[in-house]
Amino acid sequence: MGEGSSIINTSSINGLRGNRSLIDYSATKGAILAYTYSMAQALAERGIRVNAVAPGPVWTPLIPSTLSPESVEQVGADQPIGRAAQPDEIAPSYVFFASPQLSGYYTGEVLAPVGGETMPG
């Protein structure tokens, strides 16, 4: 990769705050954040930006294929906005990080489109 390149990792709200029922998933998503921060430091001198998107619940084919119908109805209901995101609501986060004109000064950052949930710390 050359100067001006951008790496965009995908984490999760669960990587930011943990989830007692998704321990392995939360741990791997947290590791992606640590990887993002470390790679941003390592690649900054080469002009390569490394950032991450850590969304909350998003409607994907995985939801109805892995959850019961009752659980599907509740996906995202606990977010302050009251619903899960649609993929096209998350996509602008990736476009932002991919564009050197919009985010050329961003590296080692995490965008967390989480429907109004706030993070401690």
PDB file of N, CA and C in Angstrom:
ATOM      1  N   MET A   1       0.849  -1.183   0.000  1.00  0.00           N
ATOM      2  CA  MET A   1       0.000   0.000   0.000  1.00  0.00           C
ATOM      3  C   MET A   1       0.884   1.233   0.000  1.00  0.00           C
ATOM      4  N   GLY A   2       0.416   2.242  -0.699  1.00  0.00           N
ATOM      5  CA  GLY A   2       1.192   3.458  -0.803  1.00  0.00           C
ATOM      6  C   GLY A   2       0.637   4.604   0.020  1.00  0.00           C
ATOM      7  N   GLU A   3       1.379   5.691  -0.005  1.00  0.00           N
ATOM      8  CA  GLU A   3       0.957   6.894   0.708  1.00  0.00           C
ATOM      9  C   GLU A   3      -0.436   7.311   0.242  1.00  0.00           C
ATOM     10  N   GLY A   4      -1.270   7.701   1.178  1.00  0.00           N
ATOM     11  CA  GLY A   4      -2.641   8.089   0.872  1.00  0.00           C
ATOM     12  C   GLY A   4      -3.635   6.945   0.951  1.00  0.00           C
ATOM     13  N   SER A   5      -3.130   5.726   1.159  1.00  0.00           N
ATOM     14  CA  SER A   5      -4.022   4.568   1.274  1.00  0.00           C
ATOM     15  C   SER A   5      -4.770   4.616   2.601  1.00  0.00           C
ATOM     16  N   SER A   6      -5.862   3.871   2.649  1.00  0.00           N
ATOM     17  CA  SER A   6      -6.688   3.839   3.847  1.00  0.00           C
ATOM     18  C   SER A   6      -7.114   2.404   4.156  1.00  0.00           C
ATOM     19  N   ILE A   7      -6.923   2.009   5.386  1.00  0.00           N
ATOM     20  CA  ILE A   7      -7.409   0.722   5.870  1.00  0.00           C
ATOM     21  C   ILE A   7      -8.578   1.021   6.797  1.00  0.00           C
ATOM     22  N   ILE A   8      -9.702   0.331   6.573  1.00  0.00           N
ATOM     23  CA  ILE A   8     -10.883   0.531   7.406  1.00  0.00           C
ATOM     24  C   ILE A   8     -11.282  -0.823   7.980  1.00  0.00           C
ATOM     25  N   ASN A   9     -11.167  -0.947   9.280  1.00  0.00           N
ATOM     26  CA  ASN A   9     -11.533  -2.184   9.965  1.00  0.00           C
ATOM     27  C   ASN A   9     -12.968  -2.090  10.477  1.00  0.00           C
ATOM     28  N   THR A  10     -13.590  -3.232  10.662  1.00  0.00           N
ATOM     29  CA  THR A  10     -14.942  -3.275  11.212  1.00  0.00           C
ATOM     30  C   THR A  10     -14.897  -3.918  12.584  1.00  0.00           C
ATOM     31  N   SER A  11     -15.319  -3.167  13.580  1.00  0.00           N
ATOM     32  CA  SER A  11     -15.436  -3.661  14.942  1.00  0.00           C
ATOM     33  C   SER A  11     -16.920  -3.723  15.277  1.00  0.00           C
ATOM     34  N   SER A  12     -17.282  -3.404  16.490  1.00  0.00           N
ATOM     35  CA  SER A  12     -18.669  -3.485  16.939  1.00  0.00           C
ATOM     36  C   SER A  12     -18.816  -2.722  18.239  1.00  0.00           C
ATOM     37  N   ILE A  13     -20.031  -2.329  18.534  1.00  0.00           N
ATOM     38  CA  ILE A  13     -20.308  -1.749  19.846  1.00  0.00           C
ATOM     39  C   ILE A  13     -19.902  -2.723  20.946  1.00  0.00           C
ATOM     40  N   ASN A  14     -20.002  -4.006  20.664  1.00  0.00           N
ATOM     41  CA  ASN A  14     -19.622  -5.016  21.655  1.00  0.00           C
ATOM     42  C   ASN A  14     -18.125  -5.028  21.920  1.00  0.00           C
ATOM     43  N   GLY A  15     -17.326  -4.598  20.961  1.00  0.00           N
ATOM     44  CA  GLY A  15     -15.895  -4.454  21.175  1.00  0.00           C
ATOM     45  C   GLY A  15     -15.567  -3.232  22.013  1.00  0.00           C
ATOM     46  N   LEU A  16     -16.459  -2.254  22.028  1.00  0.00           N
ATOM     47  CA  LEU A  16     -16.266  -1.049  22.824  1.00  0.00           C
ATOM     48  C   LEU A  16     -16.709  -1.228  24.273  1.00  0.00           C
ATOM     49  N   ARG A  17     -17.792  -1.966  24.482  1.00  0.00           N
ATOM     50  CA  ARG A  17     -18.349  -2.055  25.833  1.00  0.00           C
ATOM     51  C   ARG A  17     -18.482  -3.472  26.374  1.00  0.00           C
ATOM     52  N   GLY A  18     -18.200  -4.468  25.542  1.00  0.00           N
ATOM     53  CA  GLY A  18     -18.352  -5.853  25.968  1.00  0.00           C
ATOM     54  C   GLY A  18     -19.809  -6.279  25.955  1.00  0.00           C
ATOM     55  N   ASN A  19     -20.013  -7.591  26.051  1.00  0.00           N
ATOM     56  CA  ASN A  19     -21.363  -8.146  26.071  1.00  0.00           C
ATOM     57  C   ASN A  19     -21.277  -9.498  26.766  1.00  0.00           C
ATOM     58  N   ARG A  20     -21.943  -9.621  27.893  1.00  0.00           N
ATOM     59  CA  ARG A  20     -21.806 -10.839  28.694  1.00  0.00           C
ATOM     60  C   ARG A  20     -22.308 -12.098  28.005  1.00  0.00           C
ATOM     61  N   SER A  21     -23.168 -11.955  27.014  1.00  0.00           N
ATOM     62  CA  SER A  21     -23.645 -13.150  26.317  1.00  0.00           C
ATOM     63  C   SER A  21     -22.912 -13.385  24.992  1.00  0.00           C
ATOM     64  N   LEU A  22     -22.017 -12.481  24.619  1.00  0.00           N
ATOM     65  CA  LEU A  22     -21.229 -12.625  23.388  1.00  0.00           C
ATOM     66  C   LEU A  22     -19.748 -12.405  23.698  1.00  0.00           C
ATOM     67  N   ILE A  23     -19.233 -13.164  24.637  1.00  0.00           N
ATOM     68  CA  ILE A  23     -17.878 -12.928  25.128  1.00  0.00           C
ATOM     69  C   ILE A  23     -16.826 -13.085  24.037  1.00  0.00           C
ATOM     70  N   ASP A  24     -16.875 -14.181  23.280  1.00  0.00           N
ATOM     71  CA  ASP A  24     -15.856 -14.394  22.250  1.00  0.00           C
ATOM     72  C   ASP A  24     -15.964 -13.337  21.149  1.00  0.00           C
ATOM     73  N   TYR A  25     -17.184 -13.002  20.740  1.00  0.00           N
ATOM     74  CA  TYR A  25     -17.402 -11.978  19.720  1.00  0.00           C
ATOM     75  C   TYR A  25     -16.886 -10.628  20.215  1.00  0.00           C
ATOM     76  N   SER A  26     -17.225 -10.260  21.440  1.00  0.00           N
ATOM     77  CA  SER A  26     -16.785  -8.986  21.999  1.00  0.00           C
ATOM     78  C   SER A  26     -15.265  -8.911  22.080  1.00  0.00           C
ATOM     79  N   ALA A  27     -14.643 -10.016  22.470  1.00  0.00           N
ATOM     80  CA  ALA A  27     -13.181 -10.050  22.583  1.00  0.00           C
ATOM     81  C   ALA A  27     -12.517  -9.845  21.223  1.00  0.00           C
ATOM     82  N   THR A  28     -13.030 -10.503  20.190  1.00  0.00           N
ATOM     83  CA  THR A  28     -12.409 -10.341  18.868  1.00  0.00           C
ATOM     84  C   THR A  28     -12.642  -8.934  18.325  1.00  0.00           C
ATOM     85  N   LYS A  29     -13.808  -8.362  18.572  1.00  0.00           N
ATOM     86  CA  LYS A  29     -14.076  -7.002  18.096  1.00  0.00           C
ATOM     87  C   LYS A  29     -13.247  -5.981  18.873  1.00  0.00           C
ATOM     88  N   GLY A  30     -12.987  -6.252  20.163  1.00  0.00           N
ATOM     89  CA  GLY A  30     -12.086  -5.407  20.939  1.00  0.00           C
ATOM     90  C   GLY A  30     -10.656  -5.507  20.428  1.00  0.00           C
ATOM     91  N   ALA A  31     -10.260  -6.704  20.025  1.00  0.00           N
ATOM     92  CA  ALA A  31      -8.919  -6.892  19.462  1.00  0.00           C
ATOM     93  C   ALA A  31      -8.759  -6.116  18.164  1.00  0.00           C
ATOM     94  N   ILE A  32      -9.816  -6.048  17.381  1.00  0.00           N
ATOM     95  CA  ILE A  32      -9.758  -5.267  16.138  1.00  0.00           C
ATOM     96  C   ILE A  32      -9.506  -3.788  16.443  1.00  0.00           C
ATOM     97  N   LEU A  33     -10.077  -3.292  17.530  1.00  0.00           N
ATOM     98  CA  LEU A  33      -9.823  -1.898  17.913  1.00  0.00           C
ATOM     99  C   LEU A  33      -8.366  -1.695  18.297  1.00  0.00           C
ATOM    100  N   ALA A  34      -7.808  -2.606  19.098  1.00  0.00           N
ATOM    101  CA  ALA A  34      -6.397  -2.502  19.482  1.00  0.00           C
ATOM    102  C   ALA A  34      -5.496  -2.601  18.246  1.00  0.00           C
ATOM    103  N   TYR A  35      -5.849  -3.487  17.332  1.00  0.00           N
ATOM    104  CA  TYR A  35      -5.112  -3.622  16.069  1.00  0.00           C
ATOM    105  C   TYR A  35      -5.185  -2.312  15.277  1.00  0.00           C
ATOM    106  N   THR A  36      -6.350  -1.709  15.218  1.00  0.00           N
ATOM    107  CA  THR A  36      -6.526  -0.436  14.507  1.00  0.00           C
ATOM    108  C   THR A  36      -5.621   0.635  15.088  1.00  0.00           C
ATOM    109  N   TYR A  37      -5.643   0.788  16.409  1.00  0.00           N
ATOM    110  CA  TYR A  37      -4.811   1.807  17.059  1.00  0.00           C
ATOM    111  C   TYR A  37      -3.324   1.556  16.802  1.00  0.00           C
ATOM    112  N   SER A  38      -2.907   0.285  16.922  1.00  0.00           N
ATOM    113  CA  SER A  38      -1.494  -0.056  16.742  1.00  0.00           C
ATOM    114  C   SER A  38      -1.044   0.145  15.299  1.00  0.00           C
ATOM    115  N   MET A  39      -1.860  -0.324  14.352  1.00  0.00           N
ATOM    116  CA  MET A  39      -1.492  -0.168  12.944  1.00  0.00           C
ATOM    117  C   MET A  39      -1.497   1.299  12.522  1.00  0.00           C
ATOM    118  N   ALA A  40      -2.399   2.095  13.086  1.00  0.00           N
ATOM    119  CA  ALA A  40      -2.406   3.533  12.772  1.00  0.00           C
ATOM    120  C   ALA A  40      -1.073   4.163  13.171  1.00  0.00           C
ATOM    121  N   GLN A  41      -0.562   3.788  14.326  1.00  0.00           N
ATOM    122  CA  GLN A  41       0.731   4.307  14.769  1.00  0.00           C
ATOM    123  C   GLN A  41       1.863   3.798  13.874  1.00  0.00           C
ATOM    124  N   ALA A  42       1.802   2.519  13.535  1.00  0.00           N
ATOM    125  CA  ALA A  42       2.875   1.906  12.756  1.00  0.00           C
ATOM    126  C   ALA A  42       2.934   2.415  11.322  1.00  0.00           C
ATOM    127  N   LEU A  43       1.781   2.758  10.754  1.00  0.00           N
ATOM    128  CA  LEU A  43       1.743   3.130   9.334  1.00  0.00           C
ATOM    129  C   LEU A  43       1.648   4.629   9.070  1.00  0.00           C
ATOM    130  N   ALA A  44       1.541   5.421  10.122  1.00  0.00           N
ATOM    131  CA  ALA A  44       1.403   6.873   9.935  1.00  0.00           C
ATOM    132  C   ALA A  44       2.578   7.473   9.160  1.00  0.00           C
ATOM    133  N   GLU A  45       3.778   7.033   9.455  1.00  0.00           N
ATOM    134  CA  GLU A  45       4.953   7.595   8.774  1.00  0.00           C
ATOM    135  C   GLU A  45       4.983   7.244   7.287  1.00  0.00           C
ATOM    136  N   ARG A  46       4.241   6.216   6.897  1.00  0.00           N
ATOM    137  CA  ARG A  46       4.136   5.861   5.475  1.00  0.00           C
ATOM    138  C   ARG A  46       2.942   6.538   4.807  1.00  0.00           C
ATOM    139  N   GLY A  47       2.195   7.337   5.571  1.00  0.00           N
ATOM    140  CA  GLY A  47       1.056   8.050   5.008  1.00  0.00           C
ATOM    141  C   GLY A  47      -0.164   7.165   4.791  1.00  0.00           C
ATOM    142  N   ILE A  48      -0.238   6.056   5.516  1.00  0.00           N
ATOM    143  CA  ILE A  48      -1.382   5.152   5.409  1.00  0.00           C
ATOM    144  C   ILE A  48      -2.249   5.339   6.647  1.00  0.00           C
ATOM    145  N   ARG A  49      -3.511   5.630   6.431  1.00  0.00           N
ATOM    146  CA  ARG A  49      -4.449   5.850   7.525  1.00  0.00           C
ATOM    147  C   ARG A  49      -5.157   4.548   7.870  1.00  0.00           C
ATOM    148  N   VAL A  50      -5.344   4.311   9.175  1.00  0.00           N
ATOM    149  CA  VAL A  50      -6.005   3.094   9.652  1.00  0.00           C
ATOM    150  C   VAL A  50      -7.075   3.512  10.658  1.00  0.00           C
ATOM    151  N   ASN A  51      -8.317   3.212  10.349  1.00  0.00           N
ATOM    152  CA  ASN A  51      -9.449   3.587  11.187  1.00  0.00           C
ATOM    153  C   ASN A  51     -10.411   2.411  11.293  1.00  0.00           C
ATOM    154  N   ALA A  52     -11.432   2.575  12.131  1.00  0.00           N
ATOM    155  CA  ALA A  52     -12.411   1.497  12.307  1.00  0.00           C
ATOM    156  C   ALA A  52     -13.819   2.065  12.432  1.00  0.00           C
ATOM    157  N   VAL A  53     -14.773   1.254  12.049  1.00  0.00           N
ATOM    158  CA  VAL A  53     -16.191   1.540  12.250  1.00  0.00           C
ATOM    159  C   VAL A  53     -16.690   0.483  13.230  1.00  0.00           C
ATOM    160  N   ALA A  54     -17.382   0.940  14.280  1.00  0.00           N
ATOM    161  CA  ALA A  54     -17.877   0.039  15.327  1.00  0.00           C
ATOM    162  C   ALA A  54     -19.380   0.254  15.498  1.00  0.00           C
ATOM    163  N   PRO A  55     -20.177  -0.311  14.599  1.00  0.00           N
ATOM    164  CA  PRO A  55     -21.623  -0.064  14.658  1.00  0.00           C
ATOM    165  C   PRO A  55     -22.319  -0.844  15.762  1.00  0.00           C
ATOM    166  N   GLY A  56     -23.494  -0.342  16.104  1.00  0.00           N
ATOM    167  CA  GLY A  56     -24.419  -1.082  16.954  1.00  0.00           C
ATOM    168  C   GLY A  56     -25.168  -2.067  16.085  1.00  0.00           C
ATOM    169  N   PRO A  57     -26.371  -2.451  16.479  1.00  0.00           N
ATOM    170  CA  PRO A  57     -27.125  -3.440  15.704  1.00  0.00           C
ATOM    171  C   PRO A  57     -27.469  -2.926  14.307  1.00  0.00           C
ATOM    172  N   VAL A  58     -27.223  -3.779  13.316  1.00  0.00           N
ATOM    173  CA  VAL A  58     -27.480  -3.452  11.916  1.00  0.00           C
ATOM    174  C   VAL A  58     -28.254  -4.612  11.290  1.00  0.00           C
ATOM    175  N   TRP A  59     -29.271  -4.299  10.510  1.00  0.00           N
ATOM    176  CA  TRP A  59     -30.035  -5.336   9.809  1.00  0.00           C
ATOM    177  C   TRP A  59     -29.186  -5.944   8.718  1.00  0.00           C
ATOM    178  N   THR A  60     -28.866  -7.223   8.900  1.00  0.00           N
ATOM    179  CA  THR A  60     -28.137  -7.986   7.890  1.00  0.00           C
ATOM    180  C   THR A  60     -28.843  -9.328   7.741  1.00  0.00           C
ATOM    181  N   PRO A  61     -28.520 -10.094   6.708  1.00  0.00           N
ATOM    182  CA  PRO A  61     -29.124 -11.424   6.556  1.00  0.00           C
ATOM    183  C   PRO A  61     -28.841 -12.354   7.736  1.00  0.00           C
ATOM    184  N   LEU A  62     -27.799 -12.074   8.499  1.00  0.00           N
ATOM    185  CA  LEU A  62     -27.465 -12.908   9.646  1.00  0.00           C
ATOM    186  C   LEU A  62     -28.557 -12.880  10.714  1.00  0.00           C
ATOM    187  N   ILE A  63     -29.224 -11.756  10.869  1.00  0.00           N
ATOM    188  CA  ILE A  63     -30.210 -11.617  11.945  1.00  0.00           C
ATOM    189  C   ILE A  63     -31.352 -12.627  11.797  1.00  0.00           C
ATOM    190  N   PRO A  64     -32.108 -12.619  10.710  1.00  0.00           N
ATOM    191  CA  PRO A  64     -33.210 -13.579  10.635  1.00  0.00           C
ATOM    192  C   PRO A  64     -32.756 -15.031  10.463  1.00  0.00           C
ATOM    193  N   SER A  65     -31.521 -15.224   9.998  1.00  0.00           N
ATOM    194  CA  SER A  65     -31.059 -16.599   9.802  1.00  0.00           C
ATOM    195  C   SER A  65     -30.534 -17.240  11.084  1.00  0.00           C
ATOM    196  N   THR A  66     -30.279 -16.435  12.121  1.00  0.00           N
ATOM    197  CA  THR A  66     -29.706 -16.997  13.348  1.00  0.00           C
ATOM    198  C   THR A  66     -30.550 -16.777  14.601  1.00  0.00           C
ATOM    199  N   LEU A  67     -31.571 -15.935  14.507  1.00  0.00           N
ATOM    200  CA  LEU A  67     -32.392 -15.637  15.680  1.00  0.00           C
ATOM    201  C   LEU A  67     -33.819 -16.145  15.513  1.00  0.00           C
ATOM    202  N   SER A  68     -34.463 -16.355  16.626  1.00  0.00           N
ATOM    203  CA  SER A  68     -35.873 -16.740  16.589  1.00  0.00           C
ATOM    204  C   SER A  68     -36.706 -15.548  16.112  1.00  0.00           C
ATOM    205  N   PRO A  69     -37.897 -15.799  15.572  1.00  0.00           N
ATOM    206  CA  PRO A  69     -38.756 -14.684  15.135  1.00  0.00           C
ATOM    207  C   PRO A  69     -39.022 -13.674  16.253  1.00  0.00           C
ATOM    208  N   GLU A  70     -39.176 -14.148  17.481  1.00  0.00           N
ATOM    209  CA  GLU A  70     -39.402 -13.238  18.605  1.00  0.00           C
ATOM    210  C   GLU A  70     -38.184 -12.347  18.849  1.00  0.00           C
ATOM    211  N   SER A  71     -36.995 -12.943  18.749  1.00  0.00           N
ATOM    212  CA  SER A  71     -35.768 -12.170  18.948  1.00  0.00           C
ATOM    213  C   SER A  71     -35.552 -11.172  17.818  1.00  0.00           C
ATOM    214  N   VAL A  72     -35.881 -11.567  16.589  1.00  0.00           N
ATOM    215  CA  VAL A  72     -35.724 -10.673  15.436  1.00  0.00           C
ATOM    216  C   VAL A  72     -36.532  -9.401  15.646  1.00  0.00           C
ATOM    217  N   GLU A  73     -37.721  -9.534  16.183  1.00  0.00           N
ATOM    218  CA  GLU A  73     -38.573  -8.367  16.428  1.00  0.00           C
ATOM    219  C   GLU A  73     -37.946  -7.384  17.412  1.00  0.00           C
ATOM    220  N   GLN A  74     -37.068  -7.858  18.277  1.00  0.00           N
ATOM    221  CA  GLN A  74     -36.478  -7.015  19.315  1.00  0.00           C
ATOM    222  C   GLN A  74     -35.103  -6.448  18.952  1.00  0.00           C
ATOM    223  N   VAL A  75     -34.541  -6.835  17.817  1.00  0.00           N
ATOM    224  CA  VAL A  75     -33.205  -6.370  17.450  1.00  0.00           C
ATOM    225  C   VAL A  75     -33.197  -4.840  17.347  1.00  0.00           C
ATOM    226  N   GLY A  76     -32.331  -4.238  18.129  1.00  0.00           N
ATOM    227  CA  GLY A  76     -32.178  -2.788  18.123  1.00  0.00           C
ATOM    228  C   GLY A  76     -33.150  -2.036  19.006  1.00  0.00           C
ATOM    229  N   ALA A  77     -34.132  -2.714  19.565  1.00  0.00           N
ATOM    230  CA  ALA A  77     -35.146  -2.031  20.373  1.00  0.00           C
ATOM    231  C   ALA A  77     -34.553  -1.373  21.618  1.00  0.00           C
ATOM    232  N   ASP A  78     -33.428  -1.879  22.102  1.00  0.00           N
ATOM    233  CA  ASP A  78     -32.827  -1.306  23.301  1.00  0.00           C
ATOM    234  C   ASP A  78     -31.927  -0.105  23.005  1.00  0.00           C
ATOM    235  N   GLN A  79     -31.727   0.228  21.732  1.00  0.00           N
ATOM    236  CA  GLN A  79     -30.960   1.423  21.388  1.00  0.00           C
ATOM    237  C   GLN A  79     -31.829   2.657  21.644  1.00  0.00           C
ATOM    238  N   PRO A  80     -31.233   3.772  22.046  1.00  0.00           N
ATOM    239  CA  PRO A  80     -32.039   4.970  22.285  1.00  0.00           C
ATOM    240  C   PRO A  80     -32.899   5.380  21.080  1.00  0.00           C
ATOM    241  N   ILE A  81     -32.415   5.135  19.877  1.00  0.00           N
ATOM    242  CA  ILE A  81     -33.185   5.478  18.684  1.00  0.00           C
ATOM    243  C   ILE A  81     -34.322   4.478  18.446  1.00  0.00           C
ATOM    244  N   GLY A  82     -34.281   3.331  19.144  1.00  0.00           N
ATOM    245  CA  GLY A  82     -35.380   2.378  19.144  1.00  0.00           C
ATOM    246  C   GLY A  82     -35.406   1.342  18.043  1.00  0.00           C
ATOM    247  N   ARG A  83     -34.311   1.229  17.283  1.00  0.00           N
ATOM    248  CA  ARG A  83     -34.295   0.271  16.181  1.00  0.00           C
ATOM    249  C   ARG A  83     -32.856   0.001  15.768  1.00  0.00           C
ATOM    250  N   ALA A  84     -32.703  -1.056  14.984  1.00  0.00           N
ATOM    251  CA  ALA A  84     -31.407  -1.347  14.381  1.00  0.00           C
ATOM    252  C   ALA A  84     -31.209  -0.454  13.152  1.00  0.00           C
ATOM    253  N   ALA A  85     -29.965  -0.268  12.769  1.00  0.00           N
ATOM    254  CA  ALA A  85     -29.640   0.525  11.578  1.00  0.00           C
ATOM    255  C   ALA A  85     -29.855  -0.296  10.312  1.00  0.00           C
ATOM    256  N   GLN A  86     -30.096   0.380   9.244  1.00  0.00           N
ATOM    257  CA  GLN A  86     -30.058  -0.221   7.919  1.00  0.00           C
ATOM    258  C   GLN A  86     -28.615  -0.103   7.407  1.00  0.00           C
ATOM    259  N   PRO A  87     -28.143  -1.035   6.600  1.00  0.00           N
ATOM    260  CA  PRO A  87     -26.766  -0.963   6.111  1.00  0.00           C
ATOM    261  C   PRO A  87     -26.423   0.372   5.444  1.00  0.00           C
ATOM    262  N   ASP A  88     -27.378   0.966   4.732  1.00  0.00           N
ATOM    263  CA  ASP A  88     -27.066   2.235   4.062  1.00  0.00           C
ATOM    264  C   ASP A  88     -26.920   3.398   5.040  1.00  0.00           C
ATOM    265  N   GLU A  89     -27.305   3.205   6.286  1.00  0.00           N
ATOM    266  CA  GLU A  89     -27.085   4.229   7.296  1.00  0.00           C
ATOM    267  C   GLU A  89     -25.680   4.139   7.892  1.00  0.00           C
ATOM    268  N   ILE A  90     -25.055   3.000   7.747  1.00  0.00           N
ATOM    269  CA  ILE A  90     -23.696   2.786   8.250  1.00  0.00           C
ATOM    270  C   ILE A  90     -22.663   3.058   7.149  1.00  0.00           C
ATOM    271  N   ALA A  91     -23.030   2.837   5.916  1.00  0.00           N
ATOM    272  CA  ALA A  91     -22.111   2.980   4.784  1.00  0.00           C
ATOM    273  C   ALA A  91     -21.380   4.321   4.740  1.00  0.00           C
ATOM    274  N   PRO A  92     -22.014   5.452   5.065  1.00  0.00           N
ATOM    275  CA  PRO A  92     -21.283   6.724   5.006  1.00  0.00           C
ATOM    276  C   PRO A  92     -20.062   6.787   5.922  1.00  0.00           C
ATOM    277  N   SER A  93     -20.061   6.011   6.996  1.00  0.00           N
ATOM    278  CA  SER A  93     -18.884   5.974   7.867  1.00  0.00           C
ATOM    279  C   SER A  93     -17.673   5.432   7.111  1.00  0.00           C
ATOM    280  N   TYR A  94     -17.904   4.395   6.308  1.00  0.00           N
ATOM    281  CA  TYR A  94     -16.824   3.813   5.502  1.00  0.00           C
ATOM    282  C   TYR A  94     -16.398   4.758   4.384  1.00  0.00           C
ATOM    283  N   VAL A  95     -17.359   5.404   3.758  1.00  0.00           N
ATOM    284  CA  VAL A  95     -17.037   6.360   2.692  1.00  0.00           C
ATOM    285  C   VAL A  95     -16.200   7.504   3.256  1.00  0.00           C
ATOM    286  N   PHE A  96     -16.584   7.992   4.430  1.00  0.00           N
ATOM    287  CA  PHE A  96     -15.828   9.065   5.089  1.00  0.00           C
ATOM    288  C   PHE A  96     -14.375   8.666   5.287  1.00  0.00           C
ATOM    289  N   PHE A  97     -14.146   7.486   5.877  1.00  0.00           N
ATOM    290  CA  PHE A  97     -12.777   7.048   6.133  1.00  0.00           C
ATOM    291  C   PHE A  97     -12.015   6.736   4.856  1.00  0.00           C
ATOM    292  N   ALA A  98     -12.691   6.319   3.814  1.00  0.00           N
ATOM    293  CA  ALA A  98     -12.026   5.987   2.554  1.00  0.00           C
ATOM    294  C   ALA A  98     -11.571   7.231   1.803  1.00  0.00           C
ATOM    295  N   SER A  99     -12.217   8.344   2.020  1.00  0.00           N
ATOM    296  CA  SER A  99     -11.935   9.565   1.267  1.00  0.00           C
ATOM    297  C   SER A  99     -10.824  10.394   1.906  1.00  0.00           C
ATOM    298  N   PRO A 100      -9.705  10.559   1.209  1.00  0.00           N
ATOM    299  CA  PRO A 100      -8.645  11.400   1.772  1.00  0.00           C
ATOM    300  C   PRO A 100      -9.053  12.873   1.860  1.00  0.00           C
ATOM    301  N   GLN A 101      -9.997  13.294   1.022  1.00  0.00           N
ATOM    302  CA  GLN A 101     -10.456  14.679   1.099  1.00  0.00           C
ATOM    303  C   GLN A 101     -11.267  14.928   2.366  1.00  0.00           C
ATOM    304  N   LEU A 102     -12.021  13.925   2.806  1.00  0.00           N
ATOM    305  CA  LEU A 102     -12.878  14.083   3.978  1.00  0.00           C
ATOM    306  C   LEU A 102     -12.178  13.735   5.285  1.00  0.00           C
ATOM    307  N   SER A 103     -11.281  12.762   5.248  1.00  0.00           N
ATOM    308  CA  SER A 103     -10.700  12.269   6.503  1.00  0.00           C
ATOM    309  C   SER A 103      -9.190  12.127   6.450  1.00  0.00           C
ATOM    310  N   GLY A 104      -8.538  12.950   5.652  1.00  0.00           N
ATOM    311  CA  GLY A 104      -7.088  12.862   5.502  1.00  0.00           C
ATOM    312  C   GLY A 104      -6.303  13.054   6.787  1.00  0.00           C
ATOM    313  N   TYR A 105      -6.907  13.686   7.777  1.00  0.00           N
ATOM    314  CA  TYR A 105      -6.223  13.920   9.051  1.00  0.00           C
ATOM    315  C   TYR A 105      -6.615  12.902  10.114  1.00  0.00           C
ATOM    316  N   TYR A 106      -7.438  11.934   9.741  1.00  0.00           N
ATOM    317  CA  TYR A 106      -7.917  10.917  10.686  1.00  0.00           C
ATOM    318  C   TYR A 106      -7.113   9.641  10.540  1.00  0.00           C
ATOM    319  N   THR A 107      -6.551   9.182  11.629  1.00  0.00           N
ATOM    320  CA  THR A 107      -5.970   7.855  11.700  1.00  0.00           C
ATOM    321  C   THR A 107      -6.017   7.400  13.150  1.00  0.00           C
ATOM    322  N   GLY A 108      -6.281   6.119  13.353  1.00  0.00           N
ATOM    323  CA  GLY A 108      -6.434   5.599  14.701  1.00  0.00           C
ATOM    324  C   GLY A 108      -7.748   6.011  15.350  1.00  0.00           C
ATOM    325  N   GLU A 109      -8.750   6.286  14.525  1.00  0.00           N
ATOM    326  CA  GLU A 109     -10.044   6.736  15.036  1.00  0.00           C
ATOM    327  C   GLU A 109     -11.104   5.663  14.839  1.00  0.00           C
ATOM    328  N   VAL A 110     -12.168   5.772  15.630  1.00  0.00           N
ATOM    329  CA  VAL A 110     -13.277   4.833  15.548  1.00  0.00           C
ATOM    330  C   VAL A 110     -14.567   5.628  15.434  1.00  0.00           C
ATOM    331  N   LEU A 111     -15.332   5.359  14.402  1.00  0.00           N
ATOM    332  CA  LEU A 111     -16.682   5.904  14.293  1.00  0.00           C
ATOM    333  C   LEU A 111     -17.636   4.843  14.816  1.00  0.00           C
ATOM    334  N   ALA A 112     -18.536   5.250  15.695  1.00  0.00           N
ATOM    335  CA  ALA A 112     -19.443   4.302  16.335  1.00  0.00           C
ATOM    336  C   ALA A 112     -20.895   4.712  16.089  1.00  0.00           C
ATOM    337  N   PRO A 113     -21.447   4.346  14.934  1.00  0.00           N
ATOM    338  CA  PRO A 113     -22.869   4.611  14.692  1.00  0.00           C
ATOM    339  C   PRO A 113     -23.709   3.612  15.485  1.00  0.00           C
ATOM    340  N   VAL A 114     -24.162   4.036  16.666  1.00  0.00           N
ATOM    341  CA  VAL A 114     -24.797   3.117  17.605  1.00  0.00           C
ATOM    342  C   VAL A 114     -26.207   3.537  18.003  1.00  0.00           C
ATOM    343  N   GLY A 115     -26.822   4.385  17.233  1.00  0.00           N
ATOM    344  CA  GLY A 115     -28.216   4.722  17.488  1.00  0.00           C
ATOM    345  C   GLY A 115     -28.462   5.482  18.778  1.00  0.00           C
ATOM    346  N   GLY A 116     -27.517   6.312  19.178  1.00  0.00           N
ATOM    347  CA  GLY A 116     -27.711   7.165  20.345  1.00  0.00           C
ATOM    348  C   GLY A 116     -27.145   6.645  21.640  1.00  0.00           C
ATOM    349  N   GLU A 117     -26.627   5.418  21.657  1.00  0.00           N
ATOM    350  CA  GLU A 117     -26.031   4.899  22.882  1.00  0.00           C
ATOM    351  C   GLU A 117     -24.725   5.649  23.144  1.00  0.00           C
ATOM    352  N   THR A 118     -24.473   5.978  24.383  1.00  0.00           N
ATOM    353  CA  THR A 118     -23.216   6.654  24.727  1.00  0.00           C
ATOM    354  C   THR A 118     -22.291   5.654  25.388  1.00  0.00           C
ATOM    355  N   MET A 119     -21.010   5.890  25.226  1.00  0.00           N
ATOM    356  CA  MET A 119     -20.004   4.980  25.761  1.00  0.00           C
ATOM    357  C   MET A 119     -19.388   5.572  27.029  1.00  0.00           C
ATOM    358  N   PRO A 120     -19.146   4.740  28.046  1.00  0.00           N
ATOM    359  CA  PRO A 120     -18.464   5.249  29.233  1.00  0.00           C
ATOM    360  C   PRO A 120     -16.998   5.521  28.935  1.00  0.00           C
ATOM    361  N   GLY A 121     -16.420   6.450  29.651  1.00  0.00           N
ATOM    362  CA  GLY A 121     -14.988   6.714  29.550  1.00  0.00           C
ATOM    363  C   GLY A 121     -14.688   7.784  28.607  1.00  0.00           C
TER     364      GLY A 121
END
